[in-house]
C-alpha cells in the first residue's frame, strides 16, 4: 500500500474500531473513515467511494455477509472481512460474494498491512481475469456472427467459405469498419429478409 488510500472501516463497536484505525495509520498515510451504522451502508459506501473497504464483524450471519458484500461493492474495490468465528459455509459464501480477503480469528493491528496488501493484489488479479474473460466472450460472439455472415454469403452467392470471408473483409476495409460490424449488419439484414 504505497499510495494514499481512502479506506472505509465498517465496525459498529467503537472499542474495536479504534485499534483498527490505528493499525491502518501505522501501515501508511491513509484517509480512514469509520462507518458504525450498518443501516444505509450501501449509500454511505457509495457516497465515500473508497479505495478499500475493511469489514470487522465478530460473528456474521449469511444475511449480514450478503448485505455487507453488496453494500461494499467487491466488484468495484478490494474488500477485506475480518471475523472472529466462521464455518465452511460462511467461508464459501464470502468467497463467492467476491470478498478479496476473508480472515478468521479477528483482527489484530499487526496483521492489517499484509492482509490489505494481499486483498488489493487479489482484487486486481481477479479484476484482470474478469476483463480477459469478457474480452474472450466478446471475441467468441464476434466469431459466431462472422461465421453466420459467411454462411449467408455462401448460400446467397454460391461461394466457398474462403471467398465469403474475403468479401466480408474487403467490404469492411472499403467502409473503414471492422469485419465483425459488417458481419452483424449482414446477419441482421438476412434476418429481415428471411434468409
N, C-alpha and C. Protein backbone atom coordinates (compact mmCIF):
# COMPACT_ATOMS: atom_id res chain seq x y z
N UNK A 1 0.85 -1.18 0.00
CA UNK A 1 0.00 0.00 0.00
C UNK A 1 0.89 1.23 0.00
N UNK A 2 1.38 1.63 -1.15
CA UNK A 2 2.29 2.75 -1.20
C UNK A 2 1.58 4.09 -1.39
N UNK A 3 0.50 4.12 -2.14
CA UNK A 3 -0.20 5.39 -2.34
C UNK A 3 -1.21 5.62 -1.22
N UNK A 4 -1.61 6.87 -1.06
CA UNK A 4 -2.60 7.21 -0.04
C UNK A 4 -3.96 6.67 -0.48
N UNK A 5 -4.58 5.90 0.38
CA UNK A 5 -5.85 5.27 0.09
C UNK A 5 -6.95 5.82 0.98
N UNK A 6 -8.15 5.84 0.45
CA UNK A 6 -9.33 6.11 1.28
C UNK A 6 -9.84 4.74 1.69
N UNK A 7 -9.76 4.46 2.97
CA UNK A 7 -10.16 3.16 3.50
C UNK A 7 -11.36 3.34 4.42
N UNK A 8 -12.42 2.62 4.10
CA UNK A 8 -13.61 2.64 4.94
C UNK A 8 -13.58 1.41 5.84
N UNK A 9 -13.75 1.64 7.13
CA UNK A 9 -13.82 0.57 8.11
C UNK A 9 -15.26 0.46 8.58
N UNK A 10 -15.85 -0.71 8.39
CA UNK A 10 -17.22 -0.94 8.86
C UNK A 10 -17.10 -1.69 10.18
N UNK A 11 -17.38 -0.99 11.26
CA UNK A 11 -17.26 -1.57 12.61
C UNK A 11 -18.20 -0.82 13.55
N UNK A 12 -19.26 -1.47 14.01
CA UNK A 12 -20.21 -0.79 14.89
C UNK A 12 -19.69 -0.52 16.30
N UNK A 13 -18.68 -1.25 16.75
CA UNK A 13 -18.16 -1.11 18.11
C UNK A 13 -16.96 -0.16 18.13
N UNK A 14 -17.10 1.03 18.76
CA UNK A 14 -16.00 1.99 18.77
C UNK A 14 -14.72 1.45 19.43
N UNK A 15 -14.88 0.54 20.43
CA UNK A 15 -13.71 -0.03 21.09
C UNK A 15 -12.93 -0.95 20.16
N UNK A 16 -13.60 -1.52 19.17
CA UNK A 16 -12.91 -2.35 18.18
C UNK A 16 -12.44 -1.51 17.00
N UNK A 17 -13.17 -0.44 16.68
CA UNK A 17 -12.84 0.38 15.52
C UNK A 17 -11.54 1.16 15.72
N UNK A 18 -11.29 1.65 16.92
CA UNK A 18 -10.11 2.50 17.15
C UNK A 18 -8.79 1.76 16.90
N UNK A 19 -8.60 0.55 17.43
CA UNK A 19 -7.35 -0.16 17.13
C UNK A 19 -7.17 -0.46 15.64
N UNK A 20 -8.27 -0.67 14.94
CA UNK A 20 -8.20 -0.91 13.50
C UNK A 20 -7.69 0.35 12.81
N UNK A 21 -8.30 1.47 13.14
CA UNK A 21 -7.88 2.74 12.54
C UNK A 21 -6.42 3.03 12.86
N UNK A 22 -6.00 2.77 14.10
CA UNK A 22 -4.60 2.99 14.48
C UNK A 22 -3.67 2.09 13.67
N UNK A 23 -4.06 0.84 13.50
CA UNK A 23 -3.24 -0.10 12.72
C UNK A 23 -3.12 0.34 11.27
N UNK A 24 -4.20 0.88 10.73
CA UNK A 24 -4.17 1.36 9.35
C UNK A 24 -3.27 2.59 9.23
N UNK A 25 -3.31 3.46 10.22
CA UNK A 25 -2.45 4.64 10.18
C UNK A 25 -0.97 4.25 10.29
N UNK A 26 -0.69 3.21 11.06
CA UNK A 26 0.69 2.72 11.15
C UNK A 26 1.14 2.10 9.84
N UNK A 27 0.20 1.56 9.07
CA UNK A 27 0.53 0.92 7.79
C UNK A 27 0.81 1.93 6.69
N UNK A 28 0.41 3.18 6.87
CA UNK A 28 0.64 4.21 5.87
C UNK A 28 -0.22 5.43 6.13
N UNK A 29 0.06 6.47 5.36
CA UNK A 29 -0.68 7.72 5.48
C UNK A 29 -1.96 7.61 4.67
N UNK A 30 -3.00 7.07 5.31
CA UNK A 30 -4.25 6.82 4.61
C UNK A 30 -5.38 7.65 5.23
N UNK A 31 -6.39 7.91 4.42
CA UNK A 31 -7.60 8.58 4.89
C UNK A 31 -8.54 7.49 5.39
N UNK A 32 -8.75 7.43 6.69
CA UNK A 32 -9.54 6.37 7.32
C UNK A 32 -10.91 6.93 7.70
N UNK A 33 -11.96 6.27 7.26
CA UNK A 33 -13.32 6.64 7.64
C UNK A 33 -13.96 5.43 8.31
N UNK A 34 -14.59 5.65 9.43
CA UNK A 34 -15.25 4.55 10.14
C UNK A 34 -16.76 4.71 9.99
N UNK A 35 -17.40 3.62 9.57
CA UNK A 35 -18.86 3.59 9.49
C UNK A 35 -19.33 2.65 10.59
N UNK A 36 -20.06 3.22 11.55
CA UNK A 36 -20.54 2.41 12.67
C UNK A 36 -21.95 1.90 12.42
N UNK A 37 -22.73 2.68 11.69
CA UNK A 37 -24.14 2.34 11.45
C UNK A 37 -24.26 1.49 10.20
N UNK A 38 -24.77 0.26 10.34
CA UNK A 38 -24.85 -0.64 9.20
C UNK A 38 -26.09 -0.40 8.35
N UNK A 39 -27.09 0.28 8.89
CA UNK A 39 -28.25 0.59 8.05
C UNK A 39 -27.83 1.71 7.10
N UNK A 40 -28.21 1.56 5.85
CA UNK A 40 -27.81 2.54 4.84
C UNK A 40 -26.35 2.42 4.44
N UNK A 41 -25.78 1.25 4.69
CA UNK A 41 -24.36 1.04 4.41
C UNK A 41 -24.03 1.24 2.94
N UNK A 42 -24.87 0.72 2.06
CA UNK A 42 -24.60 0.85 0.62
C UNK A 42 -24.53 2.31 0.21
N UNK A 43 -25.43 3.11 0.72
CA UNK A 43 -25.45 4.55 0.39
C UNK A 43 -24.19 5.22 0.92
N UNK A 44 -23.82 4.90 2.16
CA UNK A 44 -22.65 5.52 2.76
C UNK A 44 -21.37 5.17 1.99
N UNK A 45 -21.23 3.91 1.62
CA UNK A 45 -20.04 3.49 0.87
C UNK A 45 -20.05 4.13 -0.51
N UNK A 46 -21.22 4.18 -1.16
CA UNK A 46 -21.31 4.78 -2.49
C UNK A 46 -20.92 6.26 -2.45
N UNK A 47 -21.34 6.96 -1.40
CA UNK A 47 -21.01 8.38 -1.27
C UNK A 47 -19.52 8.59 -1.07
N UNK A 48 -18.89 7.73 -0.28
CA UNK A 48 -17.46 7.90 0.03
C UNK A 48 -16.56 7.43 -1.12
N UNK A 49 -17.02 6.45 -1.89
CA UNK A 49 -16.23 5.87 -2.99
C UNK A 49 -14.81 5.52 -2.54
N UNK A 50 -14.70 4.63 -1.57
CA UNK A 50 -13.38 4.30 -1.02
C UNK A 50 -12.56 3.44 -1.97
N UNK A 51 -11.25 3.40 -1.71
CA UNK A 51 -10.35 2.52 -2.45
C UNK A 51 -10.44 1.10 -1.91
N UNK A 52 -10.65 0.99 -0.60
CA UNK A 52 -10.69 -0.31 0.08
C UNK A 52 -11.77 -0.25 1.15
N UNK A 53 -12.45 -1.39 1.34
CA UNK A 53 -13.41 -1.49 2.44
C UNK A 53 -12.93 -2.60 3.36
N UNK A 54 -12.86 -2.31 4.63
CA UNK A 54 -12.47 -3.29 5.64
C UNK A 54 -13.67 -3.48 6.56
N UNK A 55 -14.11 -4.71 6.68
CA UNK A 55 -15.30 -5.01 7.48
C UNK A 55 -14.87 -5.90 8.64
N UNK A 56 -15.19 -5.48 9.85
CA UNK A 56 -14.88 -6.27 11.04
C UNK A 56 -16.19 -6.67 11.69
N UNK A 57 -16.43 -7.97 11.72
CA UNK A 57 -17.68 -8.49 12.29
C UNK A 57 -17.35 -9.66 13.19
N UNK A 58 -17.82 -9.63 14.40
CA UNK A 58 -17.49 -10.71 15.34
C UNK A 58 -18.03 -12.06 14.86
N UNK A 59 -19.30 -12.13 14.53
CA UNK A 59 -19.90 -13.41 14.17
C UNK A 59 -20.96 -13.17 13.09
N UNK A 60 -20.58 -13.14 11.82
CA UNK A 60 -21.55 -12.79 10.78
C UNK A 60 -22.53 -13.90 10.47
N UNK A 61 -23.72 -13.49 10.11
CA UNK A 61 -24.69 -14.45 9.58
C UNK A 61 -24.61 -14.36 8.06
N UNK A 62 -25.19 -15.31 7.37
CA UNK A 62 -25.18 -15.30 5.90
C UNK A 62 -25.87 -14.03 5.37
N UNK A 63 -26.98 -13.61 6.02
CA UNK A 63 -27.68 -12.40 5.57
C UNK A 63 -26.81 -11.17 5.73
N UNK A 64 -26.14 -11.06 6.86
CA UNK A 64 -25.26 -9.91 7.08
C UNK A 64 -24.13 -9.92 6.06
N UNK A 65 -23.57 -11.09 5.82
CA UNK A 65 -22.47 -11.22 4.86
C UNK A 65 -22.91 -10.75 3.47
N UNK A 66 -24.07 -11.21 3.01
CA UNK A 66 -24.55 -10.81 1.69
C UNK A 66 -24.82 -9.31 1.63
N UNK A 67 -25.45 -8.77 2.67
CA UNK A 67 -25.76 -7.34 2.69
C UNK A 67 -24.48 -6.51 2.66
N UNK A 68 -23.51 -6.90 3.48
CA UNK A 68 -22.25 -6.16 3.52
C UNK A 68 -21.48 -6.28 2.21
N UNK A 69 -21.50 -7.46 1.63
CA UNK A 69 -20.80 -7.65 0.36
C UNK A 69 -21.41 -6.79 -0.74
N UNK A 70 -22.74 -6.77 -0.79
CA UNK A 70 -23.40 -5.94 -1.79
C UNK A 70 -23.14 -4.46 -1.53
N UNK A 71 -23.21 -4.07 -0.28
CA UNK A 71 -23.02 -2.66 0.06
C UNK A 71 -21.61 -2.18 -0.22
N UNK A 72 -20.62 -3.04 0.02
CA UNK A 72 -19.24 -2.60 -0.10
C UNK A 72 -18.70 -2.72 -1.51
N UNK A 73 -19.45 -3.34 -2.43
CA UNK A 73 -19.07 -3.39 -3.83
C UNK A 73 -17.80 -4.16 -4.12
N UNK A 74 -17.73 -5.46 -3.81
CA UNK A 74 -16.49 -6.21 -4.03
C UNK A 74 -16.06 -6.29 -5.48
N UNK A 75 -16.96 -6.01 -6.42
CA UNK A 75 -16.55 -5.99 -7.82
C UNK A 75 -15.92 -4.66 -8.20
N UNK A 76 -16.08 -3.65 -7.34
CA UNK A 76 -15.58 -2.31 -7.62
C UNK A 76 -14.31 -1.97 -6.85
N UNK A 77 -14.07 -2.67 -5.75
CA UNK A 77 -12.93 -2.32 -4.90
C UNK A 77 -12.57 -3.52 -4.04
N UNK A 78 -11.35 -3.56 -3.53
CA UNK A 78 -10.98 -4.65 -2.61
C UNK A 78 -11.78 -4.54 -1.32
N UNK A 79 -12.23 -5.70 -0.86
CA UNK A 79 -12.97 -5.77 0.41
C UNK A 79 -12.31 -6.85 1.26
N UNK A 80 -11.91 -6.47 2.46
CA UNK A 80 -11.35 -7.44 3.41
C UNK A 80 -12.34 -7.56 4.56
N UNK A 81 -12.67 -8.79 4.92
CA UNK A 81 -13.60 -9.03 6.02
C UNK A 81 -12.90 -9.82 7.11
N UNK A 82 -12.99 -9.32 8.33
CA UNK A 82 -12.40 -9.97 9.49
C UNK A 82 -13.53 -10.46 10.38
N UNK A 83 -13.48 -11.75 10.72
CA UNK A 83 -14.50 -12.33 11.58
C UNK A 83 -13.82 -13.08 12.73
N UNK A 84 -14.50 -13.18 13.85
CA UNK A 84 -13.95 -13.93 14.99
C UNK A 84 -14.13 -15.43 14.79
N UNK A 85 -15.29 -15.82 14.25
CA UNK A 85 -15.58 -17.24 14.03
C UNK A 85 -16.24 -17.42 12.68
N UNK A 86 -16.06 -18.61 12.11
CA UNK A 86 -16.69 -18.90 10.83
C UNK A 86 -16.87 -20.40 10.70
N UNK A 87 -17.50 -20.78 9.63
CA UNK A 87 -17.61 -22.20 9.30
C UNK A 87 -17.42 -22.32 7.79
N UNK A 88 -17.42 -23.55 7.30
CA UNK A 88 -17.15 -23.77 5.88
C UNK A 88 -18.16 -23.04 4.99
N UNK A 89 -19.42 -23.05 5.39
CA UNK A 89 -20.46 -22.40 4.60
C UNK A 89 -20.26 -20.89 4.52
N UNK A 90 -19.89 -20.29 5.65
CA UNK A 90 -19.67 -18.84 5.66
C UNK A 90 -18.45 -18.48 4.83
N UNK A 91 -17.40 -19.27 4.94
CA UNK A 91 -16.19 -19.01 4.16
C UNK A 91 -16.52 -19.08 2.67
N UNK A 92 -17.25 -20.10 2.28
CA UNK A 92 -17.63 -20.26 0.86
C UNK A 92 -18.50 -19.08 0.41
N UNK A 93 -19.46 -18.69 1.24
CA UNK A 93 -20.34 -17.57 0.88
C UNK A 93 -19.54 -16.28 0.72
N UNK A 94 -18.55 -16.08 1.59
CA UNK A 94 -17.71 -14.87 1.50
C UNK A 94 -16.92 -14.87 0.20
N UNK A 95 -16.33 -15.99 -0.13
CA UNK A 95 -15.53 -16.07 -1.35
C UNK A 95 -16.41 -15.90 -2.58
N UNK A 96 -17.57 -16.54 -2.58
CA UNK A 96 -18.49 -16.43 -3.71
C UNK A 96 -19.03 -15.02 -3.88
N UNK A 97 -19.12 -14.26 -2.80
CA UNK A 97 -19.62 -12.89 -2.90
C UNK A 97 -18.58 -11.94 -3.46
N UNK A 98 -17.34 -12.42 -3.60
CA UNK A 98 -16.30 -11.59 -4.20
C UNK A 98 -15.40 -10.88 -3.22
N UNK A 99 -15.53 -11.20 -1.96
CA UNK A 99 -14.67 -10.57 -0.95
C UNK A 99 -13.22 -10.97 -1.22
N UNK A 100 -12.33 -9.99 -1.20
CA UNK A 100 -10.93 -10.23 -1.55
C UNK A 100 -10.16 -10.95 -0.47
N UNK A 101 -10.50 -10.70 0.78
CA UNK A 101 -9.83 -11.39 1.89
C UNK A 101 -10.86 -11.66 2.98
N UNK A 102 -10.92 -12.90 3.42
CA UNK A 102 -11.84 -13.31 4.48
C UNK A 102 -10.98 -13.92 5.56
N UNK A 103 -10.79 -13.19 6.65
CA UNK A 103 -9.83 -13.57 7.68
C UNK A 103 -10.57 -13.97 8.95
N UNK A 104 -10.34 -15.21 9.37
CA UNK A 104 -10.97 -15.73 10.58
C UNK A 104 -9.99 -15.54 11.74
N UNK A 105 -10.52 -15.37 12.91
CA UNK A 105 -9.77 -15.18 14.15
C UNK A 105 -9.54 -13.70 14.41
N UNK A 106 -10.48 -12.89 13.95
CA UNK A 106 -10.47 -11.49 14.30
C UNK A 106 -9.37 -10.68 13.66
N UNK A 107 -9.30 -9.47 14.10
CA UNK A 107 -8.38 -8.51 13.51
C UNK A 107 -7.42 -8.01 14.57
N UNK A 108 -6.13 -8.15 14.26
CA UNK A 108 -5.10 -7.60 15.13
C UNK A 108 -4.33 -6.57 14.32
N UNK A 109 -3.97 -5.45 14.94
CA UNK A 109 -3.32 -4.37 14.19
C UNK A 109 -2.08 -4.80 13.40
N UNK A 110 -1.29 -5.71 13.92
CA UNK A 110 -0.07 -6.12 13.22
C UNK A 110 -0.36 -6.94 11.95
N UNK A 111 -1.57 -7.42 11.81
CA UNK A 111 -1.96 -8.21 10.63
C UNK A 111 -2.56 -7.36 9.52
N UNK A 112 -2.88 -6.12 9.81
CA UNK A 112 -3.63 -5.30 8.86
C UNK A 112 -2.90 -5.10 7.54
N UNK A 113 -1.67 -4.61 7.59
CA UNK A 113 -0.96 -4.28 6.35
C UNK A 113 -0.79 -5.48 5.43
N UNK A 114 -0.26 -6.61 5.89
CA UNK A 114 -0.10 -7.72 4.95
C UNK A 114 -1.43 -8.25 4.40
N UNK A 115 -2.47 -8.21 5.21
CA UNK A 115 -3.77 -8.68 4.73
C UNK A 115 -4.36 -7.71 3.71
N UNK A 116 -4.26 -6.42 3.96
CA UNK A 116 -4.77 -5.46 2.99
C UNK A 116 -3.96 -5.50 1.70
N UNK A 117 -2.64 -5.65 1.80
CA UNK A 117 -1.81 -5.78 0.60
C UNK A 117 -2.26 -6.99 -0.21
N UNK A 118 -2.50 -8.11 0.46
CA UNK A 118 -2.95 -9.33 -0.23
C UNK A 118 -4.34 -9.13 -0.83
N UNK A 119 -5.23 -8.48 -0.11
CA UNK A 119 -6.59 -8.24 -0.62
C UNK A 119 -6.55 -7.36 -1.86
N UNK A 120 -5.73 -6.33 -1.84
CA UNK A 120 -5.62 -5.44 -3.00
C UNK A 120 -5.04 -6.19 -4.19
N UNK A 121 -3.99 -6.97 -3.96
CA UNK A 121 -3.37 -7.75 -5.04
C UNK A 121 -4.36 -8.76 -5.61
N UNK A 122 -5.09 -9.44 -4.74
CA UNK A 122 -6.07 -10.44 -5.20
C UNK A 122 -7.20 -9.78 -5.97
N UNK A 123 -7.65 -8.62 -5.51
CA UNK A 123 -8.69 -7.89 -6.21
C UNK A 123 -8.25 -7.54 -7.62
N UNK A 124 -7.04 -6.99 -7.76
CA UNK A 124 -6.54 -6.61 -9.08
C UNK A 124 -6.36 -7.83 -9.99
N UNK A 125 -5.93 -8.94 -9.42
CA UNK A 125 -5.78 -10.16 -10.20
C UNK A 125 -7.14 -10.62 -10.73
N UNK A 126 -8.15 -10.64 -9.87
CA UNK A 126 -9.48 -11.07 -10.31
C UNK A 126 -10.10 -10.06 -11.28
N UNK A 127 -9.82 -8.80 -11.09
CA UNK A 127 -10.33 -7.78 -12.00
C UNK A 127 -9.74 -8.01 -13.40
N UNK A 128 -8.46 -8.32 -13.47
CA UNK A 128 -7.82 -8.61 -14.75
C UNK A 128 -8.41 -9.87 -15.38
N UNK A 129 -8.64 -10.89 -14.56
CA UNK A 129 -9.23 -12.13 -15.07
C UNK A 129 -10.64 -11.88 -15.61
N UNK A 130 -11.43 -11.05 -14.92
CA UNK A 130 -12.78 -10.73 -15.40
C UNK A 130 -12.72 -9.99 -16.73
N UNK A 131 -11.77 -9.07 -16.87
CA UNK A 131 -11.62 -8.33 -18.13
C UNK A 131 -11.22 -9.26 -19.26
N UNK A 132 -10.29 -10.17 -18.98
CA UNK A 132 -9.86 -11.13 -20.00
C UNK A 132 -11.01 -12.07 -20.39
N UNK A 133 -11.79 -12.49 -19.43
CA UNK A 133 -12.93 -13.35 -19.71
C UNK A 133 -13.96 -12.62 -20.57
N UNK A 134 -14.23 -11.36 -20.25
CA UNK A 134 -15.18 -10.57 -21.04
C UNK A 134 -14.67 -10.39 -22.47
N UNK A 135 -13.38 -10.14 -22.62
CA UNK A 135 -12.81 -9.97 -23.96
C UNK A 135 -12.89 -11.27 -24.74
N UNK A 136 -12.64 -12.39 -24.08
CA UNK A 136 -12.72 -13.69 -24.75
C UNK A 136 -14.14 -13.99 -25.17
N UNK A 137 -15.10 -13.70 -24.31
CA UNK A 137 -16.51 -13.91 -24.66
C UNK A 137 -16.92 -13.04 -25.84
N UNK A 138 -16.47 -11.79 -25.84
CA UNK A 138 -16.80 -10.89 -26.95
C UNK A 138 -16.19 -11.39 -28.25
N UNK A 139 -14.95 -11.86 -28.19
CA UNK A 139 -14.30 -12.39 -29.39
C UNK A 139 -15.03 -13.63 -29.91
N UNK A 140 -15.49 -14.48 -28.99
CA UNK A 140 -16.23 -15.67 -29.38
C UNK A 140 -17.56 -15.30 -30.05
N UNK A 141 -18.25 -14.31 -29.48
CA UNK A 141 -19.51 -13.85 -30.07
C UNK A 141 -19.27 -13.27 -31.46
N UNK A 142 -18.19 -12.50 -31.61
CA UNK A 142 -17.86 -11.94 -32.93
C UNK A 142 -17.59 -13.06 -33.92
N UNK A 143 -16.86 -14.07 -33.47
CA UNK A 143 -16.54 -15.21 -34.34
C UNK A 143 -17.83 -15.90 -34.81
N UNK A 144 -18.79 -16.05 -33.90
CA UNK A 144 -20.06 -16.68 -34.27
C UNK A 144 -20.81 -15.84 -35.31
N UNK A 145 -20.82 -14.52 -35.12
CA UNK A 145 -21.50 -13.62 -36.06
C UNK A 145 -20.83 -13.70 -37.43
N UNK A 146 -19.51 -13.70 -37.44
CA UNK A 146 -18.77 -13.79 -38.71
C UNK A 146 -19.08 -15.11 -39.41
N UNK A 147 -19.13 -16.19 -38.65
CA UNK A 147 -19.46 -17.50 -39.24
C UNK A 147 -20.87 -17.49 -39.83
N UNK A 148 -21.82 -16.86 -39.13
CA UNK A 148 -23.18 -16.78 -39.66
C UNK A 148 -23.22 -15.94 -40.94
N UNK A 149 -22.49 -14.83 -40.94
CA UNK A 149 -22.45 -13.98 -42.12
C UNK A 149 -21.82 -14.72 -43.31
N UNK A 150 -20.76 -15.49 -43.04
CA UNK A 150 -20.15 -16.27 -44.12
C UNK A 150 -21.16 -17.27 -44.68
N UNK A 151 -21.92 -17.90 -43.81
CA UNK A 151 -22.93 -18.87 -44.26
C UNK A 151 -23.98 -18.19 -45.13
N UNK A 152 -24.40 -16.98 -44.76
CA UNK A 152 -25.38 -16.23 -45.55
C UNK A 152 -24.80 -15.95 -46.94
N UNK A 153 -23.56 -15.47 -46.99
CA UNK A 153 -22.93 -15.17 -48.27
C UNK A 153 -22.72 -16.42 -49.12
N UNK A 154 -22.31 -17.49 -48.48
CA UNK A 154 -22.08 -18.74 -49.20
C UNK A 154 -23.37 -19.21 -49.87
N UNK A 155 -24.47 -19.12 -49.15
CA UNK A 155 -25.76 -19.56 -49.68
C UNK A 155 -26.26 -18.60 -50.75
N UNK A 156 -26.20 -17.29 -50.48
CA UNK A 156 -26.74 -16.29 -51.40
C UNK A 156 -25.92 -16.18 -52.68
N UNK A 157 -24.62 -16.30 -52.59
CA UNK A 157 -23.76 -16.09 -53.76
C UNK A 157 -23.21 -17.38 -54.35
N UNK A 158 -23.40 -18.47 -53.67
CA UNK A 158 -22.87 -19.74 -54.17
C UNK A 158 -21.35 -19.78 -54.17
N UNK A 159 -20.74 -19.23 -53.09
CA UNK A 159 -19.28 -19.19 -53.00
C UNK A 159 -18.82 -20.03 -51.81
N UNK A 160 -17.52 -20.31 -51.78
CA UNK A 160 -16.99 -21.10 -50.66
C UNK A 160 -16.70 -20.19 -49.46
N UNK A 161 -16.32 -20.82 -48.36
CA UNK A 161 -16.10 -20.09 -47.10
C UNK A 161 -14.98 -19.06 -47.22
N UNK A 162 -13.90 -19.43 -47.88
CA UNK A 162 -12.77 -18.52 -48.02
C UNK A 162 -13.17 -17.27 -48.81
N UNK A 163 -13.92 -17.45 -49.89
CA UNK A 163 -14.38 -16.32 -50.70
C UNK A 163 -15.37 -15.46 -49.91
N UNK A 164 -16.21 -16.09 -49.10
CA UNK A 164 -17.17 -15.35 -48.29
C UNK A 164 -16.44 -14.46 -47.27
N UNK A 165 -15.41 -15.01 -46.64
CA UNK A 165 -14.65 -14.21 -45.67
C UNK A 165 -13.90 -13.09 -46.37
N UNK A 166 -13.34 -13.38 -47.55
CA UNK A 166 -12.62 -12.35 -48.31
C UNK A 166 -13.56 -11.20 -48.67
N UNK A 167 -14.80 -11.53 -49.03
CA UNK A 167 -15.78 -10.50 -49.37
C UNK A 167 -16.14 -9.66 -48.13
N UNK A 168 -16.33 -10.31 -47.00
CA UNK A 168 -16.59 -9.59 -45.75
C UNK A 168 -15.43 -8.65 -45.41
N UNK A 169 -14.23 -9.18 -45.52
CA UNK A 169 -13.04 -8.39 -45.19
C UNK A 169 -12.89 -7.19 -46.12
N UNK A 170 -13.08 -7.40 -47.42
CA UNK A 170 -12.95 -6.30 -48.39
C UNK A 170 -14.00 -5.24 -48.12
N UNK A 171 -15.23 -5.66 -47.86
CA UNK A 171 -16.31 -4.72 -47.57
C UNK A 171 -15.99 -3.90 -46.32
N UNK A 172 -15.47 -4.57 -45.31
CA UNK A 172 -15.10 -3.88 -44.07
C UNK A 172 -13.98 -2.87 -44.33
N UNK A 173 -12.97 -3.28 -45.06
CA UNK A 173 -11.84 -2.38 -45.34
C UNK A 173 -12.29 -1.19 -46.18
N UNK A 174 -13.13 -1.43 -47.18
CA UNK A 174 -13.63 -0.35 -48.03
C UNK A 174 -14.45 0.66 -47.24
N UNK A 175 -15.16 0.18 -46.25
CA UNK A 175 -16.00 1.06 -45.43
C UNK A 175 -15.33 1.57 -44.17
N UNK A 176 -14.08 1.15 -43.94
CA UNK A 176 -13.37 1.57 -42.73
C UNK A 176 -14.01 1.04 -41.46
N UNK A 177 -14.55 -0.17 -41.55
CA UNK A 177 -15.22 -0.78 -40.40
C UNK A 177 -14.55 -2.10 -40.05
N UNK A 178 -14.97 -2.66 -38.96
CA UNK A 178 -14.47 -3.97 -38.55
C UNK A 178 -15.27 -5.06 -39.25
N UNK A 179 -14.62 -6.19 -39.49
CA UNK A 179 -15.29 -7.33 -40.13
C UNK A 179 -16.51 -7.75 -39.31
N UNK A 180 -16.37 -7.76 -37.99
CA UNK A 180 -17.48 -8.17 -37.13
C UNK A 180 -18.69 -7.24 -37.28
N UNK A 181 -18.44 -5.93 -37.48
CA UNK A 181 -19.54 -4.99 -37.65
C UNK A 181 -20.28 -5.24 -38.97
N UNK A 182 -19.52 -5.47 -40.03
CA UNK A 182 -20.14 -5.77 -41.33
C UNK A 182 -20.92 -7.09 -41.24
N UNK A 183 -20.31 -8.07 -40.57
CA UNK A 183 -20.98 -9.36 -40.41
C UNK A 183 -22.29 -9.20 -39.65
N UNK A 184 -22.28 -8.40 -38.60
CA UNK A 184 -23.50 -8.16 -37.80
C UNK A 184 -24.58 -7.52 -38.67
N UNK A 185 -24.21 -6.53 -39.47
CA UNK A 185 -25.18 -5.88 -40.36
C UNK A 185 -25.75 -6.87 -41.37
N UNK A 186 -24.89 -7.72 -41.92
CA UNK A 186 -25.35 -8.70 -42.91
C UNK A 186 -26.29 -9.72 -42.27
N UNK A 187 -25.95 -10.18 -41.10
CA UNK A 187 -26.81 -11.16 -40.41
C UNK A 187 -28.17 -10.51 -40.08
N UNK A 188 -28.16 -9.27 -39.64
CA UNK A 188 -29.42 -8.58 -39.35
C UNK A 188 -30.27 -8.40 -40.61
N UNK A 189 -29.61 -8.00 -41.70
CA UNK A 189 -30.33 -7.82 -42.97
C UNK A 189 -30.91 -9.15 -43.45
N UNK A 190 -30.12 -10.20 -43.35
CA UNK A 190 -30.58 -11.52 -43.77
C UNK A 190 -31.78 -11.96 -42.92
N UNK A 191 -31.76 -11.62 -41.65
CA UNK A 191 -32.88 -11.94 -40.77
C UNK A 191 -34.14 -11.21 -41.18
N UNK A 192 -33.98 -9.96 -41.57
CA UNK A 192 -35.13 -9.16 -42.02
C UNK A 192 -35.70 -9.68 -43.32
N UNK A 193 -34.80 -10.18 -44.18
CA UNK A 193 -35.23 -10.70 -45.48
C UNK A 193 -35.67 -12.15 -45.40
N UNK A 194 -35.50 -12.76 -44.24
CA UNK A 194 -35.92 -14.14 -44.05
C UNK A 194 -35.01 -15.13 -44.76
N UNK A 195 -33.74 -14.84 -44.78
CA UNK A 195 -32.78 -15.75 -45.42
C UNK A 195 -32.03 -16.54 -44.40
